[in-house]
Amino acid sequence: MSGKIRIGIGGWTFEPWRGVFYPVDLPQKRELEFASRALTSIEINGTYYSTFKPDNWRKWRDETPDEFVFSVKGSRFCTNRRVLAESGESIAKFMGQGLTELGPKLGPINWQFMATKKFDQEDFGAFLGLLPKEMDGIALRHAVEVRSPTFACEAFYDLARKHRVAIVYAKDDDFPEIDQPTADFAYARLMTSREDLEIGVTDAELDTLARQIKTWAKRGDVFAYFISGAKVRNPAAAQALIAKLG
C-alpha cells in the first residue's frame, strides 16, 4: 500500500457518547484529546455552519498527537448557492479563518452540496477552479460531496480529475455511491451504522470496508469517517475498523 489510512468520525462533541465512548468522568475540555488518541482522524463539522478564530485552530492542533490529521467541512455559504462561480469571496473568507494553523495536521477540505444542487458542467467547473491549491506554504487537498444523481456522469468525473479533486464516496442509501479515482487520495463518508449493533456494523461489513479501503490505499492516502447513521455507535465502528485494518 502506498497511502496512509486514517479512520475517524465527524466532530468530537456529542453528549450520548459520554459513557459509551468517553469515560463518564472525563472533563468535556479533554474530549478532543481523548478522541484523537482513540482514532486517527476527525472531520471538523462545525465549520460548515460558522467560522472559528486562529486560536481555536492552534488549540486543536496542540491537543492532538503528532500523526493525527483533521479534515475540514467547507462552509455552506460557499456551496449552498444558485451560482457556484460567484462563491470566490466566500471561499476566501472560509480559507482565511486560520485553517493553516493546523500545519501538517490539516487534511482534505470536504465541500458538501445539497441533493437539490444538480450538475452544471460550466458552473461546477468554475467552482473547482476557485479552490486554492496552496496557502501559507501548505499544499491543500479538496473533496466534493455531491448528492444529486445528475453527478453520476463522465463529464463530472473528468472535471474532478482535471482539478485533482476527490469525489467523496458516500455510503448511504439516499445518495449516489460514486467510486472514481479522481485525485491522489480517497475520501469516504460511511453513513449506515445501526444502533442495534454494538459496534454499529456487522463483522462482514467491516471486512468489506477493509478490503475497499486497502484497494484505495494502493492509489494514495485514505480518509474514511463514520458519519450520521446511528451516531452513538460511530466511534465504536471507527475503532473496530482501525483494529480490522490492524
C-alpha atoms as a PDB file:
ATOM      1  CA  MET A   1       0.000   0.000   0.000  1.00  0.00           C
ATOM      2  CA  SER A   2       1.303   3.450  -0.918  1.00  0.00           C
ATOM      3  CA  GLY A   3      -1.033   5.658   1.135  1.00  0.00           C
ATOM      4  CA  LYS A   4      -1.751   6.238   4.809  1.00  0.00           C
ATOM      5  CA  ILE A   5      -5.162   5.166   6.078  1.00  0.00           C
ATOM      6  CA  ARG A   6      -6.974   7.427   8.530  1.00  0.00           C
ATOM      7  CA  ILE A   7     -10.263   6.416  10.132  1.00  0.00           C
ATOM      8  CA  GLY A   8     -12.498   8.560  12.284  1.00  0.00           C
ATOM      9  CA  ILE A   9     -15.812  10.256  12.992  1.00  0.00           C
ATOM     10  CA  GLY A  10     -17.488  13.604  12.460  1.00  0.00           C
ATOM     11  CA  GLY A  11     -16.809  16.051  15.284  1.00  0.00           C
ATOM     12  CA  TRP A  12     -15.982  15.143  18.859  1.00  0.00           C
ATOM     13  CA  THR A  13     -18.750  16.772  20.918  1.00  0.00           C
ATOM     14  CA  PHE A  14     -21.878  14.632  21.280  1.00  0.00           C
ATOM     15  CA  GLU A  15     -23.487  14.086  24.689  1.00  0.00           C
ATOM     16  CA  PRO A  16     -24.666  10.462  24.040  1.00  0.00           C
ATOM     17  CA  TRP A  17     -21.014   9.430  23.567  1.00  0.00           C
ATOM     18  CA  ARG A  18     -20.441  10.008  27.293  1.00  0.00           C
ATOM     19  CA  GLY A  19     -20.333   6.637  28.985  1.00  0.00           C
ATOM     20  CA  VAL A  20     -20.308   4.892  25.584  1.00  0.00           C
ATOM     21  CA  PHE A  21     -17.138   6.327  24.028  1.00  0.00           C
ATOM     22  CA  TYR A  22     -15.934   8.876  26.559  1.00  0.00           C
ATOM     23  CA  PRO A  23     -15.444   7.903  30.208  1.00  0.00           C
ATOM     24  CA  VAL A  24     -18.261   9.338  32.319  1.00  0.00           C
ATOM     25  CA  ASP A  25     -15.838  11.357  34.449  1.00  0.00           C
ATOM     26  CA  LEU A  26     -13.807  12.770  31.541  1.00  0.00           C
ATOM     27  CA  PRO A  27     -13.849  16.596  31.605  1.00  0.00           C
ATOM     28  CA  GLN A  28     -15.505  17.949  28.449  1.00  0.00           C
ATOM     29  CA  LYS A  29     -12.458  20.081  27.658  1.00  0.00           C
ATOM     30  CA  ARG A  30     -10.446  16.848  27.244  1.00  0.00           C
ATOM     31  CA  GLU A  31     -12.790  15.172  24.744  1.00  0.00           C
ATOM     32  CA  LEU A  32     -10.670  16.042  21.700  1.00  0.00           C
ATOM     33  CA  GLU A  33      -7.542  14.859  23.496  1.00  0.00           C
ATOM     34  CA  PHE A  34      -9.245  11.514  24.199  1.00  0.00           C
ATOM     35  CA  ALA A  35     -10.861  11.081  20.758  1.00  0.00           C
ATOM     36  CA  SER A  36      -7.670  11.896  18.869  1.00  0.00           C
ATOM     37  CA  ARG A  37      -5.854   9.086  20.654  1.00  0.00           C
ATOM     38  CA  ALA A  38      -8.611   6.539  20.064  1.00  0.00           C
ATOM     39  CA  LEU A  39      -8.971   7.415  16.353  1.00  0.00           C
ATOM     40  CA  THR A  40      -6.623   8.571  13.609  1.00  0.00           C
ATOM     41  CA  SER A  41      -8.658  11.437  12.125  1.00  0.00           C
ATOM     42  CA  ILE A  42     -11.721  13.598  12.749  1.00  0.00           C
ATOM     43  CA  GLU A  43     -13.802  15.582  10.296  1.00  0.00           C
ATOM     44  CA  ILE A  44     -14.465  19.029  11.766  1.00  0.00           C
ATOM     45  CA  ASN A  45     -18.152  19.637  11.053  1.00  0.00           C
ATOM     46  CA  GLY A  46     -18.764  22.948  12.828  1.00  0.00           C
ATOM     47  CA  THR A  47     -17.012  24.807  10.014  1.00  0.00           C
ATOM     48  CA  TYR A  48     -19.989  24.055   7.769  1.00  0.00           C
ATOM     49  CA  TYR A  49     -22.099  26.450   9.837  1.00  0.00           C
ATOM     50  CA  SER A  50     -19.676  29.031  11.218  1.00  0.00           C
ATOM     51  CA  THR A  51     -16.098  30.254  11.280  1.00  0.00           C
ATOM     52  CA  PHE A  52     -13.535  29.973  14.060  1.00  0.00           C
ATOM     53  CA  LYS A  53     -10.607  32.040  15.275  1.00  0.00           C
ATOM     54  CA  PRO A  54      -6.923  31.184  14.689  1.00  0.00           C
ATOM     55  CA  ASP A  55      -6.640  30.442  18.425  1.00  0.00           C
ATOM     56  CA  ASN A  56      -9.218  27.653  18.024  1.00  0.00           C
ATOM     57  CA  TRP A  57      -7.222  26.013  15.252  1.00  0.00           C
ATOM     58  CA  ARG A  58      -3.983  26.273  17.221  1.00  0.00           C
ATOM     59  CA  LYS A  59      -5.688  24.764  20.283  1.00  0.00           C
ATOM     60  CA  TRP A  60      -6.971  21.787  18.250  1.00  0.00           C
ATOM     61  CA  ARG A  61      -3.515  21.328  16.751  1.00  0.00           C
ATOM     62  CA  ASP A  62      -1.816  21.331  20.143  1.00  0.00           C
ATOM     63  CA  GLU A  63      -4.288  18.926  21.806  1.00  0.00           C
ATOM     64  CA  THR A  64      -3.774  16.134  19.272  1.00  0.00           C
ATOM     65  CA  PRO A  65      -0.918  13.665  18.615  1.00  0.00           C
ATOM     66  CA  ASP A  66       1.760  14.419  16.019  1.00  0.00           C
ATOM     67  CA  GLU A  67       0.429  11.938  13.446  1.00  0.00           C
ATOM     68  CA  PHE A  68      -3.216  12.962  13.824  1.00  0.00           C
ATOM     69  CA  VAL A  69      -4.938  14.665  10.881  1.00  0.00           C
ATOM     70  CA  PHE A  70      -8.162  16.673  10.677  1.00  0.00           C
ATOM     71  CA  SER A  71     -10.350  17.029   7.645  1.00  0.00           C
ATOM     72  CA  VAL A  72     -12.478  20.156   7.459  1.00  0.00           C
ATOM     73  CA  LYS A  73     -16.010  20.597   6.176  1.00  0.00           C
ATOM     74  CA  GLY A  74     -16.314  23.576   3.839  1.00  0.00           C
ATOM     75  CA  SER A  75     -18.759  26.383   4.597  1.00  0.00           C
ATOM     76  CA  ARG A  76     -22.354  26.083   3.417  1.00  0.00           C
ATOM     77  CA  PHE A  77     -22.105  29.731   2.306  1.00  0.00           C
ATOM     78  CA  CYS A  78     -19.742  28.529  -0.430  1.00  0.00           C
ATOM     79  CA  THR A  79     -21.792  25.579  -1.655  1.00  0.00           C
ATOM     80  CA  ASN A  80     -25.458  26.346  -0.947  1.00  0.00           C
ATOM     81  CA  ARG A  81     -25.886  28.934  -3.684  1.00  0.00           C
ATOM     82  CA  ARG A  82     -27.501  29.089  -7.097  1.00  0.00           C
ATOM     83  CA  VAL A  83     -24.377  30.223  -8.968  1.00  0.00           C
ATOM     84  CA  LEU A  84     -21.273  28.456  -7.683  1.00  0.00           C
ATOM     85  CA  ALA A  85     -18.981  30.548  -9.870  1.00  0.00           C
ATOM     86  CA  GLU A  86     -19.808  33.519  -7.622  1.00  0.00           C
ATOM     87  CA  SER A  87     -18.524  31.890  -4.434  1.00  0.00           C
ATOM     88  CA  GLY A  88     -14.950  33.207  -4.638  1.00  0.00           C
ATOM     89  CA  GLU A  89     -15.345  35.753  -1.831  1.00  0.00           C
ATOM     90  CA  SER A  90     -16.969  33.197   0.472  1.00  0.00           C
ATOM     91  CA  ILE A  91     -14.224  30.658  -0.241  1.00  0.00           C
ATOM     92  CA  ALA A  92     -11.549  33.245   0.546  1.00  0.00           C
ATOM     93  CA  LYS A  93     -13.274  34.129   3.838  1.00  0.00           C
ATOM     94  CA  PHE A  94     -13.561  30.471   4.782  1.00  0.00           C
ATOM     95  CA  MET A  95      -9.940  29.721   3.953  1.00  0.00           C
ATOM     96  CA  GLY A  96      -8.723  32.817   5.782  1.00  0.00           C
ATOM     97  CA  GLN A  97     -10.123  31.918   9.208  1.00  0.00           C
ATOM     98  CA  GLY A  98      -6.997  30.047  10.319  1.00  0.00           C
ATOM     99  CA  LEU A  99      -7.101  26.520   8.847  1.00  0.00           C
ATOM    100  CA  THR A 100      -3.377  26.546   8.134  1.00  0.00           C
ATOM    101  CA  GLU A 101      -2.664  26.934  11.851  1.00  0.00           C
ATOM    102  CA  LEU A 102      -3.153  23.147  11.888  1.00  0.00           C
ATOM    103  CA  GLY A 103       0.074  22.836   9.883  1.00  0.00           C
ATOM    104  CA  PRO A 104       0.749  19.224   8.830  1.00  0.00           C
ATOM    105  CA  LYS A 105      -2.420  18.160  10.678  1.00  0.00           C
ATOM    106  CA  LEU A 106      -4.580  19.811   8.011  1.00  0.00           C
ATOM    107  CA  GLY A 107      -6.095  17.138   5.804  1.00  0.00           C
ATOM    108  CA  PRO A 108      -8.641  17.466   2.989  1.00  0.00           C
ATOM    109  CA  ILE A 109     -11.432  20.031   2.848  1.00  0.00           C
ATOM    110  CA  ASN A 110     -14.814  18.474   2.100  1.00  0.00           C
ATOM    111  CA  TRP A 111     -17.200  20.700   0.120  1.00  0.00           C
ATOM    112  CA  GLN A 112     -20.690  19.274   0.570  1.00  0.00           C
ATOM    113  CA  PHE A 113     -23.581  20.066  -1.775  1.00  0.00           C
ATOM    114  CA  MET A 114     -27.298  19.648  -1.130  1.00  0.00           C
ATOM    115  CA  ALA A 115     -29.258  16.988  -3.007  1.00  0.00           C
ATOM    116  CA  THR A 116     -31.086  19.770  -4.856  1.00  0.00           C
ATOM    117  CA  LYS A 117     -27.855  21.003  -6.478  1.00  0.00           C
ATOM    118  CA  LYS A 118     -27.721  19.448  -9.947  1.00  0.00           C
ATOM    119  CA  PHE A 119     -24.643  19.056 -12.104  1.00  0.00           C
ATOM    120  CA  ASP A 120     -23.892  22.019 -14.344  1.00  0.00           C
ATOM    121  CA  GLN A 121     -20.579  21.415 -16.067  1.00  0.00           C
ATOM    122  CA  GLU A 122     -19.637  25.044 -16.638  1.00  0.00           C
ATOM    123  CA  ASP A 123     -20.683  26.337 -13.231  1.00  0.00           C
ATOM    124  CA  PHE A 124     -19.246  23.410 -11.273  1.00  0.00           C
ATOM    125  CA  GLY A 125     -16.002  23.641 -13.224  1.00  0.00           C
ATOM    126  CA  ALA A 126     -15.793  27.329 -12.309  1.00  0.00           C
ATOM    127  CA  PHE A 127     -16.249  26.431  -8.622  1.00  0.00           C
ATOM    128  CA  LEU A 128     -13.474  23.842  -8.707  1.00  0.00           C
ATOM    129  CA  GLY A 129     -11.222  26.421 -10.349  1.00  0.00           C
ATOM    130  CA  LEU A 130     -11.735  28.744  -7.358  1.00  0.00           C
ATOM    131  CA  LEU A 131     -10.411  26.239  -4.818  1.00  0.00           C
ATOM    132  CA  PRO A 132      -6.866  27.218  -3.776  1.00  0.00           C
ATOM    133  CA  LYS A 133      -4.128  24.626  -4.234  1.00  0.00           C
ATOM    134  CA  GLU A 134      -1.787  26.141  -1.648  1.00  0.00           C
ATOM    135  CA  MET A 135      -1.949  28.523   1.295  1.00  0.00           C
ATOM    136  CA  ASP A 136       0.762  29.723   3.674  1.00  0.00           C
ATOM    137  CA  GLY A 137       3.163  27.173   2.211  1.00  0.00           C
ATOM    138  CA  ILE A 138       0.777  24.260   2.825  1.00  0.00           C
ATOM    139  CA  ALA A 139      -0.489  22.183  -0.097  1.00  0.00           C
ATOM    140  CA  LEU A 140      -4.276  21.898   0.043  1.00  0.00           C
ATOM    141  CA  ARG A 141      -6.436  18.920  -0.856  1.00  0.00           C
ATOM    142  CA  HIS A 142     -10.106  19.208  -1.732  1.00  0.00           C
ATOM    143  CA  ALA A 143     -13.003  16.755  -1.946  1.00  0.00           C
ATOM    144  CA  VAL A 144     -16.558  17.318  -3.149  1.00  0.00           C
ATOM    145  CA  GLU A 145     -19.580  15.538  -1.700  1.00  0.00           C
ATOM    146  CA  VAL A 146     -22.420  15.578  -4.217  1.00  0.00           C
ATOM    147  CA  ARG A 147     -25.887  14.227  -3.517  1.00  0.00           C
ATOM    148  CA  SER A 148     -27.780  14.535  -6.808  1.00  0.00           C
ATOM    149  CA  PRO A 149     -27.753  11.555  -9.231  1.00  0.00           C
ATOM    150  CA  THR A 150     -27.054  14.056 -12.036  1.00  0.00           C
ATOM    151  CA  PHE A 151     -23.394  13.966 -10.939  1.00  0.00           C
ATOM    152  CA  ALA A 152     -23.039  10.283 -11.790  1.00  0.00           C
ATOM    153  CA  CYS A 153     -21.594  11.015 -15.233  1.00  0.00           C
ATOM    154  CA  GLU A 154     -18.255  11.032 -17.052  1.00  0.00           C
ATOM    155  CA  ALA A 155     -18.315  14.820 -17.512  1.00  0.00           C
ATOM    156  CA  PHE A 156     -18.259  15.300 -13.745  1.00  0.00           C
ATOM    157  CA  TYR A 157     -15.565  12.667 -13.232  1.00  0.00           C
ATOM    158  CA  ASP A 158     -13.406  14.323 -15.886  1.00  0.00           C
ATOM    159  CA  LEU A 159     -13.810  17.726 -14.228  1.00  0.00           C
ATOM    160  CA  ALA A 160     -12.751  16.318 -10.868  1.00  0.00           C
ATOM    161  CA  ARG A 161      -9.697  14.661 -12.443  1.00  0.00           C
ATOM    162  CA  LYS A 162      -8.754  17.885 -14.222  1.00  0.00           C
ATOM    163  CA  HIS A 163      -8.732  19.771 -10.916  1.00  0.00           C
ATOM    164  CA  ARG A 164      -7.337  16.818  -8.901  1.00  0.00           C
ATOM    165  CA  VAL A 165     -10.315  16.930  -6.554  1.00  0.00           C
ATOM    166  CA  ALA A 166     -11.558  13.760  -4.860  1.00  0.00           C
ATOM    167  CA  ILE A 167     -15.196  12.733  -5.147  1.00  0.00           C
ATOM    168  CA  VAL A 168     -16.486  11.692  -1.740  1.00  0.00           C
ATOM    169  CA  TYR A 169     -17.589   8.085  -1.620  1.00  0.00           C
ATOM    170  CA  ALA A 170     -20.879   8.341   0.256  1.00  0.00           C
ATOM    171  CA  LYS A 171     -22.092   5.048   1.707  1.00  0.00           C
ATOM    172  CA  ASP A 172     -25.773   5.909   2.101  1.00  0.00           C
ATOM    173  CA  ASP A 173     -28.914   4.515   0.507  1.00  0.00           C
ATOM    174  CA  ASP A 174     -30.193   8.001  -0.373  1.00  0.00           C
ATOM    175  CA  PHE A 175     -27.164   9.365  -2.235  1.00  0.00           C
ATOM    176  CA  PRO A 176     -25.224   8.334  -5.352  1.00  0.00           C
ATOM    177  CA  GLU A 177     -22.404   5.938  -4.471  1.00  0.00           C
ATOM    178  CA  ILE A 178     -19.537   7.165  -6.643  1.00  0.00           C
ATOM    179  CA  ASP A 179     -16.197   5.371  -6.525  1.00  0.00           C
ATOM    180  CA  GLN A 180     -13.952   7.140  -9.023  1.00  0.00           C
ATOM    181  CA  PRO A 181     -10.171   7.723  -8.790  1.00  0.00           C
ATOM    182  CA  THR A 182     -10.001  11.473  -9.490  1.00  0.00           C
ATOM    183  CA  ALA A 183      -7.292  12.559  -7.019  1.00  0.00           C
ATOM    184  CA  ASP A 184      -4.245  11.171  -5.232  1.00  0.00           C
ATOM    185  CA  PHE A 185      -6.328  10.410  -2.139  1.00  0.00           C
ATOM    186  CA  ALA A 186      -9.711   8.890  -1.319  1.00  0.00           C
ATOM    187  CA  TYR A 187     -12.391  10.313   0.962  1.00  0.00           C
ATOM    188  CA  ALA A 188     -15.279   8.218   2.293  1.00  0.00           C
ATOM    189  CA  ARG A 189     -18.259   9.084   4.491  1.00  0.00           C
ATOM    190  CA  LEU A 190     -19.890   5.943   5.848  1.00  0.00           C
ATOM    191  CA  MET A 191     -23.484   6.611   6.916  1.00  0.00           C
ATOM    192  CA  THR A 192     -25.044   3.203   7.507  1.00  0.00           C
ATOM    193  CA  SER A 193     -24.263   2.398  11.161  1.00  0.00           C
ATOM    194  CA  ARG A 194     -27.155   0.920  13.163  1.00  0.00           C
ATOM    195  CA  GLU A 195     -27.976   1.350  16.827  1.00  0.00           C
ATOM    196  CA  ASP A 196     -28.994  -2.272  17.416  1.00  0.00           C
ATOM    197  CA  LEU A 197     -25.402  -3.403  16.780  1.00  0.00           C
ATOM    198  CA  GLU A 198     -22.805  -2.807  19.500  1.00  0.00           C
ATOM    199  CA  ILE A 199     -20.260  -1.500  17.014  1.00  0.00           C
ATOM    200  CA  GLY A 200     -22.816  -0.175  14.549  1.00  0.00           C
ATOM    201  CA  VAL A 201     -21.910  -2.566  11.725  1.00  0.00           C
ATOM    202  CA  THR A 202     -21.510  -6.313  11.239  1.00  0.00           C
ATOM    203  CA  ASP A 203     -18.165  -8.059  11.034  1.00  0.00           C
ATOM    204  CA  ALA A 204     -18.909  -8.930   7.406  1.00  0.00           C
ATOM    205  CA  GLU A 205     -19.481  -5.245   6.657  1.00  0.00           C
ATOM    206  CA  LEU A 206     -16.177  -4.389   8.331  1.00  0.00           C
ATOM    207  CA  ASP A 207     -14.412  -6.980   6.163  1.00  0.00           C
ATOM    208  CA  THR A 208     -15.897  -5.435   3.013  1.00  0.00           C
ATOM    209  CA  LEU A 209     -14.929  -1.920   4.087  1.00  0.00           C
ATOM    210  CA  ALA A 210     -11.398  -3.023   4.978  1.00  0.00           C
ATOM    211  CA  ARG A 211     -10.914  -4.590   1.536  1.00  0.00           C
ATOM    212  CA  GLN A 212     -12.236  -1.479  -0.170  1.00  0.00           C
ATOM    213  CA  ILE A 213     -10.016   0.832   1.860  1.00  0.00           C
ATOM    214  CA  LYS A 214      -6.927  -1.269   1.160  1.00  0.00           C
ATOM    215  CA  THR A 215      -7.698  -1.003  -2.552  1.00  0.00           C
ATOM    216  CA  TRP A 216      -7.981   2.786  -2.307  1.00  0.00           C
ATOM    217  CA  ALA A 217      -4.731   2.942  -0.329  1.00  0.00           C
ATOM    218  CA  LYS A 218      -2.861   1.497  -3.301  1.00  0.00           C
ATOM    219  CA  ARG A 219      -3.543   4.837  -5.038  1.00  0.00           C
ATOM    220  CA  GLY A 220      -2.812   7.183  -2.118  1.00  0.00           C
ATOM    221  CA  ASP A 221      -3.974   8.327   1.316  1.00  0.00           C
ATOM    222  CA  VAL A 222      -7.422   7.340   2.553  1.00  0.00           C
ATOM    223  CA  PHE A 223      -9.715   9.317   4.859  1.00  0.00           C
ATOM    224  CA  ALA A 224     -12.824   7.414   5.989  1.00  0.00           C
ATOM    225  CA  TYR A 225     -15.379   8.649   8.509  1.00  0.00           C
ATOM    226  CA  PHE A 226     -18.403   7.075  10.145  1.00  0.00           C
ATOM    227  CA  ILE A 227     -20.947   9.887   9.900  1.00  0.00           C
ATOM    228  CA  SER A 228     -24.675  10.101  10.685  1.00  0.00           C
ATOM    229  CA  GLY A 229     -26.477   6.747  10.755  1.00  0.00           C
ATOM    230  CA  ALA A 230     -26.575   5.681  14.399  1.00  0.00           C
ATOM    231  CA  LYS A 231     -24.232   8.426  15.577  1.00  0.00           C
ATOM    232  CA  VAL A 232     -23.910   6.965  19.062  1.00  0.00           C
ATOM    233  CA  ARG A 233     -22.260   3.868  17.530  1.00  0.00           C
ATOM    234  CA  ASN A 234     -19.876   5.652  15.158  1.00  0.00           C
ATOM    235  CA  PRO A 235     -16.818   5.829  17.457  1.00  0.00           C
ATOM    236  CA  ALA A 236     -17.085   2.086  18.111  1.00  0.00           C
ATOM    237  CA  ALA A 237     -17.440   1.412  14.389  1.00  0.00           C
ATOM    238  CA  ALA A 238     -14.367   3.523  13.623  1.00  0.00           C
ATOM    239  CA  GLN A 239     -12.312   1.800  16.317  1.00  0.00           C
ATOM    240  CA  ALA A 240     -13.409  -1.618  15.044  1.00  0.00           C
ATOM    241  CA  LEU A 241     -12.363  -0.720  11.502  1.00  0.00           C
ATOM    242  CA  ILE A 242      -8.995   0.551  12.716  1.00  0.00           C
ATOM    243  CA  ALA A 243      -8.479  -2.773  14.505  1.00  0.00           C
ATOM    244  CA  LYS A 244      -9.597  -4.727  11.442  1.00  0.00           C
ATOM    245  CA  LEU A 245      -7.063  -2.891   9.265  1.00  0.00           C
ATOM    246  CA  GLY A 246      -4.539  -3.503  12.069  1.00  0.00           C
END
